[in-house]
């Protein structure tokens, strides 16, 4: 099993495409420097239809950073790359909403 660090952006950006491009093209380069990071997966909303009544999430973006263990995640969070990533958020297009961070054990079932 691995550990995923999920960063969820619930809200809107003045320029959604620029926000996503900034994350993918510049911010990801900083995250790549985190020790022990195995992958970065970006999740963007798409139009969808569910025939059942569900509560849509309303996320603007979800970033999934994958590590081998909780210890590897902890080392990455204490790294210089993490500090640089936090400071880099000020360079993003304006975002209105909330940002949530969550570490989760990941298990691929199929």
Foldseek 3Di string as FASTA:
>chain_A
DWKKKKKWAAFDFPDLVQQVCCCVPPLVVLLVPQPQWDDKDKDADDDDDDPDDDDDDRTGIMIITIGRYPVSVVSRCPDPSVVVSVVCVVVGGDTDGDMDIDMDDDDDPD
